[in-house]
Amino acid sequence: MTSTRWALVTGATAGIGESFTRLLAAKGYNVALVARDEARLHERAGALREKYGVQTFVLPADLATEGGCKAVEDYISTYPIEVLINNAGFGIKYPFTTSALKAEQELLDVLVRTPMRLMHVILPGMKERNSGVIINVSSVASFIAGGTYSAAKSYLTVLTEAVNTELKSTNIKVSALCPGFTRTEFHQRGKMKMSGLPDFMWLNSDKLVEQSWKDAQAN
């Protein structure tokens, strides 16, 4: 029997987001995948259909742009999404005083504006159905003063806590995942040299996501 439950994952082609797409597909969710790389999105979607027999939807979008964010909002407004994973993100390796303003604005748009707006758009439907799960992929960086990445992640962690409290009398679960160093493409994309970090400090994204899902279900 074909599942009618849908999940949407941003940053779905690599790392934590890609791990979430496999976990959700394994649990019988159809998956809408959002990322910039359309060819890679189709490749990932095909693998999910083949292995788990679920339906997929590919939504190429650059979440640093107004149009990209709006495209995902429109999709969420049109179709009932049971699970939202706000995972898309990137880091800037330069200090605030020497970084490019354009890069800082894009970081704010991807890490703050987009998850806030997607949550705001998806929650009315979840409240009407009295069901749903939102997991915002934040970071341990949200607990320290580590530049604008930390500031953005702090916003996401605090917003998640606030919305979780606001919805405590419902069956909607809102959770922040705050990992440390995780084996993904994040550091390579940001051109950050991490070779000095010992192996024991690195997390496995599949195990991380599995625990995150359990924690979210337990609220």
N, C-alpha and C. Protein backbone atom coordinates (compact mmCIF):
# COMPACT_ATOMS: atom_id res chain seq x y z
N MET A 1 0.84 -1.20 0.00
CA MET A 1 0.00 0.00 0.00
C MET A 1 0.87 1.25 0.00
N THR A 2 0.58 2.18 -0.89
CA THR A 2 1.39 3.39 -1.01
C THR A 2 1.10 4.34 0.14
N SER A 3 2.17 4.86 0.73
CA SER A 3 2.02 5.80 1.84
C SER A 3 1.52 7.15 1.33
N THR A 4 0.71 7.82 2.17
CA THR A 4 0.24 9.17 1.84
C THR A 4 0.96 10.21 2.68
N ARG A 5 1.85 9.77 3.56
CA ARG A 5 2.56 10.70 4.45
C ARG A 5 3.79 11.27 3.73
N TRP A 6 3.94 12.57 3.83
CA TRP A 6 5.07 13.23 3.17
C TRP A 6 5.96 13.96 4.17
N ALA A 7 7.25 13.91 3.90
CA ALA A 7 8.24 14.69 4.66
C ALA A 7 8.99 15.58 3.68
N LEU A 8 9.45 16.73 4.15
CA LEU A 8 10.26 17.62 3.32
C LEU A 8 11.59 17.90 4.03
N VAL A 9 12.68 17.75 3.29
CA VAL A 9 14.02 17.93 3.85
C VAL A 9 14.77 18.97 3.03
N THR A 10 15.27 20.02 3.67
CA THR A 10 16.13 20.98 2.96
C THR A 10 17.59 20.56 3.15
N GLY A 11 18.41 20.89 2.15
CA GLY A 11 19.80 20.43 2.19
C GLY A 11 19.84 18.91 2.13
N ALA A 12 19.05 18.36 1.20
CA ALA A 12 18.75 16.92 1.22
C ALA A 12 19.76 16.04 0.50
N THR A 13 20.76 16.63 -0.14
CA THR A 13 21.63 15.81 -0.99
C THR A 13 22.90 15.31 -0.30
N ALA A 14 23.21 15.83 0.88
CA ALA A 14 24.47 15.42 1.53
C ALA A 14 24.34 15.50 3.05
N GLY A 15 25.24 14.81 3.73
CA GLY A 15 25.38 14.95 5.17
C GLY A 15 24.14 14.60 5.97
N ILE A 16 23.83 15.43 6.95
CA ILE A 16 22.72 15.18 7.87
C ILE A 16 21.39 15.15 7.12
N GLY A 17 21.21 16.05 6.16
CA GLY A 17 19.97 16.06 5.39
C GLY A 17 19.77 14.78 4.60
N GLU A 18 20.81 14.29 3.98
CA GLU A 18 20.72 13.05 3.20
C GLU A 18 20.43 11.87 4.13
N SER A 19 21.03 11.88 5.31
CA SER A 19 20.75 10.83 6.30
C SER A 19 19.28 10.85 6.70
N PHE A 20 18.73 12.06 6.87
CA PHE A 20 17.31 12.18 7.22
C PHE A 20 16.41 11.64 6.11
N THR A 21 16.77 11.87 4.85
CA THR A 21 15.92 11.36 3.76
C THR A 21 15.84 9.85 3.79
N ARG A 22 16.95 9.18 4.10
CA ARG A 22 16.95 7.72 4.16
C ARG A 22 16.19 7.22 5.39
N LEU A 23 16.37 7.87 6.53
CA LEU A 23 15.66 7.47 7.74
C LEU A 23 14.15 7.59 7.53
N LEU A 24 13.71 8.71 6.97
CA LEU A 24 12.28 8.94 6.77
C LEU A 24 11.69 7.97 5.74
N ALA A 25 12.44 7.74 4.66
CA ALA A 25 11.97 6.78 3.65
C ALA A 25 11.85 5.38 4.25
N ALA A 26 12.81 5.01 5.09
CA ALA A 26 12.78 3.71 5.75
C ALA A 26 11.57 3.58 6.67
N LYS A 27 11.08 4.71 7.17
CA LYS A 27 9.90 4.70 8.04
C LYS A 27 8.60 4.87 7.25
N GLY A 28 8.70 4.85 5.92
CA GLY A 28 7.51 4.85 5.08
C GLY A 28 7.03 6.22 4.64
N TYR A 29 7.81 7.25 4.90
CA TYR A 29 7.43 8.58 4.43
C TYR A 29 7.84 8.78 2.98
N ASN A 30 6.97 9.37 2.18
CA ASN A 30 7.38 9.91 0.88
C ASN A 30 8.22 11.15 1.17
N VAL A 31 9.18 11.44 0.30
CA VAL A 31 10.13 12.51 0.63
C VAL A 31 10.22 13.56 -0.47
N ALA A 32 10.02 14.82 -0.09
CA ALA A 32 10.31 15.96 -0.96
C ALA A 32 11.71 16.45 -0.63
N LEU A 33 12.57 16.49 -1.61
CA LEU A 33 13.97 16.84 -1.41
C LEU A 33 14.26 18.24 -1.96
N VAL A 34 14.86 19.09 -1.13
CA VAL A 34 15.19 20.46 -1.52
C VAL A 34 16.69 20.66 -1.43
N ALA A 35 17.28 21.20 -2.50
CA ALA A 35 18.70 21.57 -2.52
C ALA A 35 18.95 22.35 -3.81
N ARG A 36 20.18 22.82 -3.97
CA ARG A 36 20.48 23.60 -5.18
C ARG A 36 20.83 22.73 -6.38
N ASP A 37 21.47 21.59 -6.14
CA ASP A 37 22.02 20.75 -7.21
C ASP A 37 20.94 19.80 -7.74
N GLU A 38 20.33 20.18 -8.88
CA GLU A 38 19.20 19.41 -9.40
C GLU A 38 19.60 17.99 -9.81
N ALA A 39 20.75 17.84 -10.44
CA ALA A 39 21.19 16.51 -10.88
C ALA A 39 21.37 15.58 -9.67
N ARG A 40 21.96 16.12 -8.63
CA ARG A 40 22.18 15.33 -7.41
C ARG A 40 20.86 15.01 -6.71
N LEU A 41 19.93 15.95 -6.75
CA LEU A 41 18.60 15.72 -6.17
C LEU A 41 17.92 14.53 -6.84
N HIS A 42 17.96 14.50 -8.17
CA HIS A 42 17.34 13.40 -8.91
C HIS A 42 18.02 12.07 -8.60
N GLU A 43 19.33 12.11 -8.44
CA GLU A 43 20.09 10.90 -8.12
C GLU A 43 19.67 10.36 -6.75
N ARG A 44 19.60 11.26 -5.76
CA ARG A 44 19.19 10.86 -4.40
C ARG A 44 17.74 10.35 -4.39
N ALA A 45 16.87 11.08 -5.08
CA ALA A 45 15.46 10.70 -5.13
C ALA A 45 15.28 9.31 -5.75
N GLY A 46 16.02 9.07 -6.82
CA GLY A 46 15.96 7.76 -7.48
C GLY A 46 16.40 6.64 -6.56
N ALA A 47 17.44 6.89 -5.79
CA ALA A 47 17.95 5.87 -4.85
C ALA A 47 16.91 5.57 -3.77
N LEU A 48 16.21 6.60 -3.30
CA LEU A 48 15.17 6.40 -2.28
C LEU A 48 14.00 5.58 -2.83
N ARG A 49 13.58 5.90 -4.04
CA ARG A 49 12.47 5.16 -4.66
C ARG A 49 12.84 3.69 -4.85
N GLU A 50 14.07 3.49 -5.32
CA GLU A 50 14.51 2.12 -5.63
C GLU A 50 14.66 1.28 -4.36
N LYS A 51 15.25 1.84 -3.33
CA LYS A 51 15.53 1.06 -2.11
C LYS A 51 14.31 0.92 -1.20
N TYR A 52 13.51 2.00 -1.08
CA TYR A 52 12.43 1.99 -0.08
C TYR A 52 11.02 1.95 -0.67
N GLY A 53 10.92 2.10 -1.98
CA GLY A 53 9.61 2.04 -2.63
C GLY A 53 8.70 3.20 -2.30
N VAL A 54 9.28 4.34 -1.94
CA VAL A 54 8.46 5.52 -1.61
C VAL A 54 8.37 6.45 -2.81
N GLN A 55 7.45 7.41 -2.72
CA GLN A 55 7.38 8.45 -3.73
C GLN A 55 8.34 9.59 -3.35
N THR A 56 8.81 10.30 -4.35
CA THR A 56 9.69 11.44 -4.08
C THR A 56 9.26 12.64 -4.91
N PHE A 57 9.68 13.81 -4.46
CA PHE A 57 9.47 15.03 -5.23
C PHE A 57 10.76 15.84 -5.14
N VAL A 58 11.24 16.28 -6.28
CA VAL A 58 12.50 17.04 -6.34
C VAL A 58 12.19 18.52 -6.50
N LEU A 59 12.71 19.33 -5.59
CA LEU A 59 12.46 20.77 -5.62
C LEU A 59 13.79 21.52 -5.58
N PRO A 60 14.37 21.84 -6.75
CA PRO A 60 15.63 22.58 -6.77
C PRO A 60 15.38 24.02 -6.32
N ALA A 61 16.14 24.48 -5.32
CA ALA A 61 15.93 25.84 -4.81
C ALA A 61 17.19 26.32 -4.10
N ASP A 62 17.57 27.56 -4.38
CA ASP A 62 18.66 28.21 -3.66
C ASP A 62 18.02 29.01 -2.53
N LEU A 63 18.15 28.52 -1.31
CA LEU A 63 17.45 29.12 -0.17
C LEU A 63 18.08 30.43 0.29
N ALA A 64 19.17 30.83 -0.34
CA ALA A 64 19.74 32.16 -0.06
C ALA A 64 18.99 33.24 -0.83
N THR A 65 18.13 32.81 -1.75
CA THR A 65 17.39 33.77 -2.57
C THR A 65 15.93 33.84 -2.13
N GLU A 66 15.30 34.96 -2.40
CA GLU A 66 13.88 35.13 -2.09
C GLU A 66 13.04 34.13 -2.88
N GLY A 67 13.39 33.96 -4.16
CA GLY A 67 12.64 33.04 -5.02
C GLY A 67 12.74 31.60 -4.57
N GLY A 68 13.93 31.20 -4.12
CA GLY A 68 14.13 29.83 -3.65
C GLY A 68 13.32 29.54 -2.40
N CYS A 69 13.35 30.47 -1.47
CA CYS A 69 12.58 30.32 -0.23
C CYS A 69 11.08 30.28 -0.54
N LYS A 70 10.64 31.16 -1.42
CA LYS A 70 9.21 31.25 -1.77
C LYS A 70 8.73 29.97 -2.46
N ALA A 71 9.59 29.36 -3.27
CA ALA A 71 9.21 28.12 -3.97
C ALA A 71 8.88 27.01 -2.97
N VAL A 72 9.68 26.92 -1.91
CA VAL A 72 9.44 25.90 -0.89
C VAL A 72 8.20 26.26 -0.07
N GLU A 73 8.05 27.53 0.26
CA GLU A 73 6.83 27.98 0.97
C GLU A 73 5.58 27.61 0.17
N ASP A 74 5.60 27.87 -1.13
CA ASP A 74 4.45 27.58 -1.98
C ASP A 74 4.13 26.08 -1.99
N TYR A 75 5.17 25.26 -2.04
CA TYR A 75 4.98 23.81 -2.04
C TYR A 75 4.34 23.35 -0.73
N ILE A 76 4.87 23.88 0.39
CA ILE A 76 4.34 23.53 1.71
C ILE A 76 2.89 23.99 1.86
N SER A 77 2.58 25.13 1.28
CA SER A 77 1.21 25.67 1.35
C SER A 77 0.22 24.83 0.56
N THR A 78 0.72 24.14 -0.45
CA THR A 78 -0.15 23.41 -1.38
C THR A 78 -0.39 21.97 -0.93
N TYR A 79 0.63 21.35 -0.34
CA TYR A 79 0.52 19.93 0.02
C TYR A 79 0.70 19.73 1.52
N PRO A 80 -0.05 18.80 2.13
CA PRO A 80 0.11 18.54 3.57
C PRO A 80 1.42 17.80 3.85
N ILE A 81 2.33 18.47 4.51
CA ILE A 81 3.62 17.88 4.87
C ILE A 81 3.59 17.52 6.35
N GLU A 82 3.87 16.26 6.65
CA GLU A 82 3.80 15.77 8.03
C GLU A 82 5.10 16.00 8.80
N VAL A 83 6.22 16.00 8.07
CA VAL A 83 7.53 16.18 8.72
C VAL A 83 8.33 17.23 7.95
N LEU A 84 8.85 18.21 8.67
CA LEU A 84 9.74 19.22 8.08
C LEU A 84 11.09 19.15 8.74
N ILE A 85 12.13 18.95 7.93
CA ILE A 85 13.51 18.96 8.43
C ILE A 85 14.20 20.18 7.84
N ASN A 86 14.42 21.20 8.67
CA ASN A 86 15.16 22.40 8.26
C ASN A 86 16.64 22.14 8.47
N ASN A 87 17.31 21.72 7.41
CA ASN A 87 18.71 21.31 7.54
C ASN A 87 19.69 22.16 6.73
N ALA A 88 19.24 22.79 5.65
CA ALA A 88 20.16 23.51 4.76
C ALA A 88 21.00 24.53 5.53
N GLY A 89 22.27 24.61 5.20
CA GLY A 89 23.13 25.60 5.87
C GLY A 89 24.54 25.58 5.32
N PHE A 90 25.29 26.59 5.70
CA PHE A 90 26.71 26.66 5.35
C PHE A 90 27.41 27.57 6.35
N GLY A 91 28.72 27.54 6.36
CA GLY A 91 29.48 28.38 7.27
C GLY A 91 30.42 29.31 6.51
N ILE A 92 30.88 30.35 7.19
CA ILE A 92 31.85 31.30 6.62
C ILE A 92 33.12 31.20 7.45
N LYS A 93 34.24 31.00 6.79
CA LYS A 93 35.47 30.78 7.57
C LYS A 93 36.13 32.08 8.02
N TYR A 94 35.68 33.23 7.49
CA TYR A 94 36.33 34.51 7.83
C TYR A 94 35.66 35.17 9.03
N PRO A 95 36.43 35.92 9.84
CA PRO A 95 35.84 36.69 10.93
C PRO A 95 34.89 37.76 10.38
N PHE A 96 33.97 38.23 11.22
CA PHE A 96 32.94 39.17 10.79
C PHE A 96 33.53 40.44 10.18
N THR A 97 34.63 40.92 10.73
CA THR A 97 35.19 42.19 10.25
C THR A 97 35.90 42.08 8.91
N THR A 98 36.17 40.86 8.47
CA THR A 98 36.84 40.69 7.17
C THR A 98 36.01 39.90 6.16
N SER A 99 34.84 39.44 6.55
CA SER A 99 34.00 38.65 5.64
C SER A 99 33.28 39.55 4.65
N ALA A 100 32.78 38.93 3.58
CA ALA A 100 32.00 39.68 2.58
C ALA A 100 30.58 39.86 3.07
N LEU A 101 30.06 41.07 2.95
CA LEU A 101 28.70 41.36 3.40
C LEU A 101 27.67 40.48 2.68
N LYS A 102 27.90 40.22 1.40
CA LYS A 102 26.98 39.37 0.63
C LYS A 102 26.91 37.97 1.24
N ALA A 103 28.06 37.45 1.63
CA ALA A 103 28.10 36.11 2.25
C ALA A 103 27.37 36.12 3.59
N GLU A 104 27.54 37.18 4.35
CA GLU A 104 26.85 37.28 5.65
C GLU A 104 25.34 37.33 5.47
N GLN A 105 24.89 38.08 4.46
CA GLN A 105 23.46 38.17 4.21
C GLN A 105 22.90 36.82 3.76
N GLU A 106 23.65 36.10 2.91
CA GLU A 106 23.21 34.79 2.46
C GLU A 106 23.13 33.80 3.63
N LEU A 107 24.11 33.88 4.54
CA LEU A 107 24.10 33.02 5.71
C LEU A 107 22.85 33.28 6.55
N LEU A 108 22.53 34.55 6.75
CA LEU A 108 21.34 34.93 7.52
C LEU A 108 20.07 34.41 6.82
N ASP A 109 20.03 34.53 5.49
CA ASP A 109 18.85 34.09 4.73
C ASP A 109 18.65 32.58 4.81
N VAL A 110 19.74 31.82 4.71
CA VAL A 110 19.64 30.35 4.71
C VAL A 110 19.41 29.81 6.12
N LEU A 111 20.13 30.34 7.10
CA LEU A 111 20.10 29.78 8.45
C LEU A 111 18.99 30.34 9.34
N VAL A 112 18.50 31.54 9.03
CA VAL A 112 17.50 32.17 9.89
C VAL A 112 16.18 32.40 9.15
N ARG A 113 16.23 33.19 8.07
CA ARG A 113 15.00 33.53 7.37
C ARG A 113 14.24 32.31 6.87
N THR A 114 14.94 31.41 6.18
CA THR A 114 14.26 30.28 5.55
C THR A 114 13.60 29.35 6.57
N PRO A 115 14.32 28.85 7.59
CA PRO A 115 13.62 27.97 8.54
C PRO A 115 12.48 28.66 9.27
N MET A 116 12.66 29.94 9.60
CA MET A 116 11.58 30.68 10.27
C MET A 116 10.33 30.72 9.39
N ARG A 117 10.51 31.06 8.12
CA ARG A 117 9.38 31.19 7.22
C ARG A 117 8.73 29.83 6.91
N LEU A 118 9.54 28.81 6.74
CA LEU A 118 8.97 27.48 6.45
C LEU A 118 8.17 26.98 7.65
N MET A 119 8.67 27.22 8.85
CA MET A 119 7.91 26.85 10.06
C MET A 119 6.60 27.62 10.13
N HIS A 120 6.67 28.91 9.85
CA HIS A 120 5.49 29.77 9.96
C HIS A 120 4.41 29.34 8.96
N VAL A 121 4.85 28.90 7.79
CA VAL A 121 3.91 28.49 6.74
C VAL A 121 3.34 27.10 7.01
N ILE A 122 4.15 26.20 7.57
CA ILE A 122 3.70 24.81 7.73
C ILE A 122 2.85 24.59 8.97
N LEU A 123 3.03 25.41 10.00
CA LEU A 123 2.38 25.14 11.28
C LEU A 123 0.85 25.26 11.28
N PRO A 124 0.24 26.19 10.53
CA PRO A 124 -1.23 26.22 10.53
C PRO A 124 -1.86 24.89 10.12
N GLY A 125 -1.32 24.25 9.09
CA GLY A 125 -1.83 22.94 8.65
C GLY A 125 -1.60 21.87 9.70
N MET A 126 -0.42 21.88 10.33
CA MET A 126 -0.13 20.91 11.39
C MET A 126 -1.08 21.10 12.57
N LYS A 127 -1.36 22.36 12.91
CA LYS A 127 -2.27 22.64 14.02
C LYS A 127 -3.69 22.16 13.69
N GLU A 128 -4.08 22.35 12.44
CA GLU A 128 -5.41 21.90 12.01
C GLU A 128 -5.53 20.39 12.12
N ARG A 129 -4.48 19.67 11.73
CA ARG A 129 -4.48 18.19 11.80
C ARG A 129 -4.10 17.69 13.19
N ASN A 130 -3.54 18.58 14.01
CA ASN A 130 -3.01 18.24 15.33
C ASN A 130 -1.98 17.11 15.25
N SER A 131 -1.10 17.23 14.28
CA SER A 131 0.00 16.27 14.15
C SER A 131 1.11 16.88 13.30
N GLY A 132 2.32 16.39 13.50
CA GLY A 132 3.44 16.86 12.71
C GLY A 132 4.73 16.87 13.51
N VAL A 133 5.83 16.83 12.79
CA VAL A 133 7.16 16.88 13.40
C VAL A 133 8.00 17.90 12.66
N ILE A 134 8.63 18.80 13.40
CA ILE A 134 9.61 19.72 12.83
C ILE A 134 10.93 19.51 13.56
N ILE A 135 11.98 19.24 12.80
CA ILE A 135 13.32 19.16 13.37
C ILE A 135 14.17 20.23 12.70
N ASN A 136 14.67 21.15 13.51
CA ASN A 136 15.56 22.19 13.02
C ASN A 136 17.00 21.79 13.33
N VAL A 137 17.81 21.65 12.30
CA VAL A 137 19.20 21.26 12.51
C VAL A 137 19.99 22.51 12.89
N SER A 138 20.27 22.63 14.17
CA SER A 138 21.04 23.74 14.69
C SER A 138 22.48 23.28 14.92
N SER A 139 23.08 23.62 16.03
CA SER A 139 24.49 23.28 16.25
C SER A 139 24.88 23.57 17.69
N VAL A 140 25.90 22.87 18.18
CA VAL A 140 26.47 23.24 19.49
C VAL A 140 27.01 24.67 19.43
N ALA A 141 27.27 25.15 18.21
CA ALA A 141 27.74 26.54 18.04
C ALA A 141 26.70 27.54 18.54
N SER A 142 25.44 27.09 18.65
CA SER A 142 24.39 28.01 19.12
C SER A 142 24.55 28.37 20.59
N PHE A 143 25.42 27.63 21.30
CA PHE A 143 25.62 27.89 22.73
C PHE A 143 26.89 28.69 23.02
N ILE A 144 27.61 29.08 21.97
CA ILE A 144 28.86 29.85 22.16
C ILE A 144 28.84 31.11 21.29
N ALA A 145 29.75 32.02 21.57
CA ALA A 145 29.89 33.21 20.73
C ALA A 145 30.96 32.92 19.68
N GLY A 146 30.53 32.41 18.54
CA GLY A 146 31.47 32.02 17.49
C GLY A 146 31.14 32.66 16.16
N GLY A 147 30.92 33.96 16.16
CA GLY A 147 30.63 34.67 14.92
C GLY A 147 29.17 34.57 14.52
N THR A 148 28.90 34.97 13.29
CA THR A 148 27.50 35.06 12.85
C THR A 148 26.87 33.68 12.65
N TYR A 149 27.67 32.65 12.39
CA TYR A 149 27.12 31.29 12.31
C TYR A 149 26.51 30.91 13.65
N SER A 150 27.26 31.15 14.73
CA SER A 150 26.75 30.87 16.07
C SER A 150 25.50 31.69 16.37
N ALA A 151 25.53 32.97 15.98
CA ALA A 151 24.39 33.85 16.23
C ALA A 151 23.14 33.34 15.51
N ALA A 152 23.32 32.91 14.26
CA ALA A 152 22.20 32.39 13.47
C ALA A 152 21.65 31.10 14.07
N LYS A 153 22.55 30.22 14.48
CA LYS A 153 22.13 28.95 15.07
C LYS A 153 21.48 29.17 16.44
N SER A 154 21.94 30.18 17.16
CA SER A 154 21.33 30.51 18.44
C SER A 154 19.88 30.92 18.23
N TYR A 155 19.62 31.73 17.21
CA TYR A 155 18.25 32.11 16.85
C TYR A 155 17.40 30.86 16.63
N LEU A 156 17.95 29.91 15.86
CA LEU A 156 17.19 28.71 15.50
C LEU A 156 16.90 27.85 16.73
N THR A 157 17.89 27.69 17.60
CA THR A 157 17.69 26.90 18.82
C THR A 157 16.63 27.53 19.72
N VAL A 158 16.74 28.84 19.92
CA VAL A 158 15.80 29.54 20.81
C VAL A 158 14.39 29.54 20.22
N LEU A 159 14.28 29.78 18.90
CA LEU A 159 12.97 29.76 18.26
C LEU A 159 12.33 28.38 18.40
N THR A 160 13.12 27.34 18.22
CA THR A 160 12.62 25.97 18.35
C THR A 160 12.08 25.73 19.75
N GLU A 161 12.85 26.13 20.76
CA GLU A 161 12.40 25.97 22.15
C GLU A 161 11.10 26.72 22.40
N ALA A 162 11.03 27.93 21.87
CA ALA A 162 9.85 28.77 22.08
C ALA A 162 8.60 28.16 21.44
N VAL A 163 8.75 27.68 20.19
CA VAL A 163 7.61 27.10 19.48
C VAL A 163 7.20 25.77 20.12
N ASN A 164 8.18 25.01 20.57
CA ASN A 164 7.88 23.76 21.28
C ASN A 164 7.02 24.05 22.50
N THR A 165 7.37 25.08 23.25
CA THR A 165 6.59 25.47 24.43
C THR A 165 5.20 25.94 24.04
N GLU A 166 5.14 26.73 22.96
CA GLU A 166 3.85 27.25 22.49
C GLU A 166 2.89 26.12 22.10
N LEU A 167 3.45 25.01 21.61
CA LEU A 167 2.62 23.91 21.10
C LEU A 167 2.54 22.73 22.06
N LYS A 168 2.91 22.95 23.33
CA LYS A 168 3.00 21.82 24.27
C LYS A 168 1.67 21.12 24.50
N SER A 169 0.53 21.80 24.26
CA SER A 169 -0.77 21.16 24.46
C SER A 169 -1.27 20.44 23.20
N THR A 170 -0.42 20.37 22.16
CA THR A 170 -0.79 19.71 20.90
C THR A 170 0.02 18.44 20.70
N ASN A 171 -0.25 17.74 19.61
CA ASN A 171 0.54 16.55 19.25
C ASN A 171 1.66 16.88 18.25
N ILE A 172 1.95 18.16 18.09
CA ILE A 172 3.03 18.58 17.18
C ILE A 172 4.34 18.62 17.96
N LYS A 173 5.36 18.03 17.37
CA LYS A 173 6.65 17.94 18.05
C LYS A 173 7.67 18.82 17.32
N VAL A 174 8.31 19.72 18.05
CA VAL A 174 9.29 20.64 17.46
C VAL A 174 10.59 20.47 18.23
N SER A 175 11.65 20.13 17.52
CA SER A 175 12.91 19.76 18.16
C SER A 175 14.10 20.40 17.45
N ALA A 176 15.11 20.77 18.23
CA ALA A 176 16.36 21.28 17.66
C ALA A 176 17.45 20.22 17.82
N LEU A 177 18.09 19.91 16.72
CA LEU A 177 19.25 19.00 16.75
C LEU A 177 20.50 19.88 16.79
N CYS A 178 21.31 19.70 17.83
CA CYS A 178 22.50 20.56 18.02
C CYS A 178 23.76 19.71 18.03
N PRO A 179 24.19 19.24 16.86
CA PRO A 179 25.37 18.37 16.82
C PRO A 179 26.68 19.15 16.93
N GLY A 180 27.72 18.40 17.24
CA GLY A 180 29.07 18.95 17.16
C GLY A 180 29.64 18.63 15.78
N PHE A 181 30.92 18.31 15.71
CA PHE A 181 31.56 18.02 14.42
C PHE A 181 31.02 16.71 13.86
N THR A 182 30.50 16.77 12.64
CA THR A 182 29.85 15.62 12.02
C THR A 182 30.46 15.38 10.65
N ARG A 183 30.64 14.10 10.32
CA ARG A 183 31.22 13.74 9.01
C ARG A 183 30.23 14.07 7.88
N THR A 184 30.36 15.26 7.31
CA THR A 184 29.53 15.69 6.19
C THR A 184 30.43 16.48 5.23
N GLU A 185 29.82 17.16 4.26
CA GLU A 185 30.60 18.00 3.33
C GLU A 185 30.70 19.45 3.81
N PHE A 186 30.14 19.72 5.00
CA PHE A 186 30.03 21.10 5.49
C PHE A 186 31.38 21.83 5.51
N HIS A 187 32.40 21.19 6.10
CA HIS A 187 33.69 21.88 6.27
C HIS A 187 34.45 22.03 4.95
N GLN A 188 34.33 21.02 4.07
CA GLN A 188 34.98 21.13 2.77
C GLN A 188 34.38 22.28 1.97
N ARG A 189 33.04 22.39 2.00
CA ARG A 189 32.38 23.45 1.24
C ARG A 189 32.79 24.82 1.76
N GLY A 190 32.99 24.93 3.06
CA GLY A 190 33.40 26.20 3.65
C GLY A 190 34.90 26.42 3.60
N LYS A 191 35.63 25.47 2.94
CA LYS A 191 37.10 25.53 2.82
C LYS A 191 37.76 25.66 4.19
N MET A 192 37.23 24.88 5.16
CA MET A 192 37.77 24.90 6.52
C MET A 192 38.67 23.69 6.70
N LYS A 193 39.89 23.91 7.18
CA LYS A 193 40.83 22.82 7.40
C LYS A 193 40.54 22.19 8.78
N MET A 194 40.17 20.91 8.76
CA MET A 194 39.78 20.24 10.00
C MET A 194 40.66 19.03 10.31
N SER A 195 41.78 18.91 9.61
CA SER A 195 42.62 17.71 9.74
C SER A 195 43.21 17.54 11.14
N GLY A 196 43.31 18.64 11.88
CA GLY A 196 43.88 18.56 13.23
C GLY A 196 42.94 18.02 14.28
N LEU A 197 41.67 17.84 13.90
CA LEU A 197 40.68 17.39 14.87
C LEU A 197 40.74 15.86 15.01
N PRO A 198 40.90 15.34 16.23
CA PRO A 198 41.02 13.89 16.41
C PRO A 198 39.73 13.15 16.05
N ASP A 199 39.86 11.89 15.63
CA ASP A 199 38.73 11.09 15.17
C ASP A 199 37.61 10.98 16.21
N PHE A 200 37.97 10.89 17.50
CA PHE A 200 36.94 10.64 18.51
C PHE A 200 35.96 11.81 18.63
N MET A 201 36.32 12.98 18.08
CA MET A 201 35.44 14.14 18.18
C MET A 201 34.40 14.21 17.06
N TRP A 202 34.52 13.30 16.09
CA TRP A 202 33.61 13.35 14.94
C TRP A 202 32.40 12.44 15.16
N LEU A 203 31.22 12.91 14.76
CA LEU A 203 29.99 12.14 14.86
C LEU A 203 29.63 11.52 13.52
N ASN A 204 28.92 10.40 13.56
CA ASN A 204 28.40 9.75 12.36
C ASN A 204 27.00 10.27 12.09
N SER A 205 26.75 10.78 10.89
CA SER A 205 25.47 11.47 10.63
C SER A 205 24.27 10.52 10.71
N ASP A 206 24.42 9.26 10.31
CA ASP A 206 23.30 8.32 10.39
C ASP A 206 22.89 8.06 11.83
N LYS A 207 23.88 7.84 12.69
CA LYS A 207 23.59 7.60 14.12
C LYS A 207 23.00 8.85 14.75
N LEU A 208 23.53 9.99 14.39
CA LEU A 208 23.06 11.27 14.90
C LEU A 208 21.59 11.49 14.55
N VAL A 209 21.24 11.24 13.31
CA VAL A 209 19.88 11.44 12.82
C VAL A 209 18.91 10.46 13.47
N GLU A 210 19.34 9.23 13.64
CA GLU A 210 18.51 8.21 14.30
C GLU A 210 18.16 8.64 15.74
N GLN A 211 19.17 9.14 16.46
CA GLN A 211 18.94 9.61 17.82
C GLN A 211 18.06 10.87 17.84
N SER A 212 18.28 11.74 16.87
CA SER A 212 17.49 12.95 16.77
C SER A 212 16.01 12.64 16.57
N TRP A 213 15.72 11.66 15.72
CA TRP A 213 14.34 11.27 15.46
C TRP A 213 13.69 10.70 16.73
N LYS A 214 14.43 9.86 17.45
CA LYS A 214 13.92 9.30 18.70
C LYS A 214 13.62 10.41 19.71
N ASP A 215 14.54 11.37 19.81
CA ASP A 215 14.36 12.48 20.76
C ASP A 215 13.16 13.34 20.38
N ALA A 216 13.00 13.57 19.08
CA ALA A 216 11.86 14.38 18.62
C ALA A 216 10.55 13.66 18.94
N GLN A 217 10.50 12.36 18.71
CA GLN A 217 9.28 11.59 19.00
C GLN A 217 8.95 11.62 20.50
N ALA A 218 9.99 11.63 21.31
CA ALA A 218 9.81 11.68 22.78
C ALA A 218 9.51 13.11 23.26
N ASN A 219 9.60 14.04 22.33
CA ASN A 219 9.36 15.47 22.61
C ASN A 219 10.31 16.00 23.67
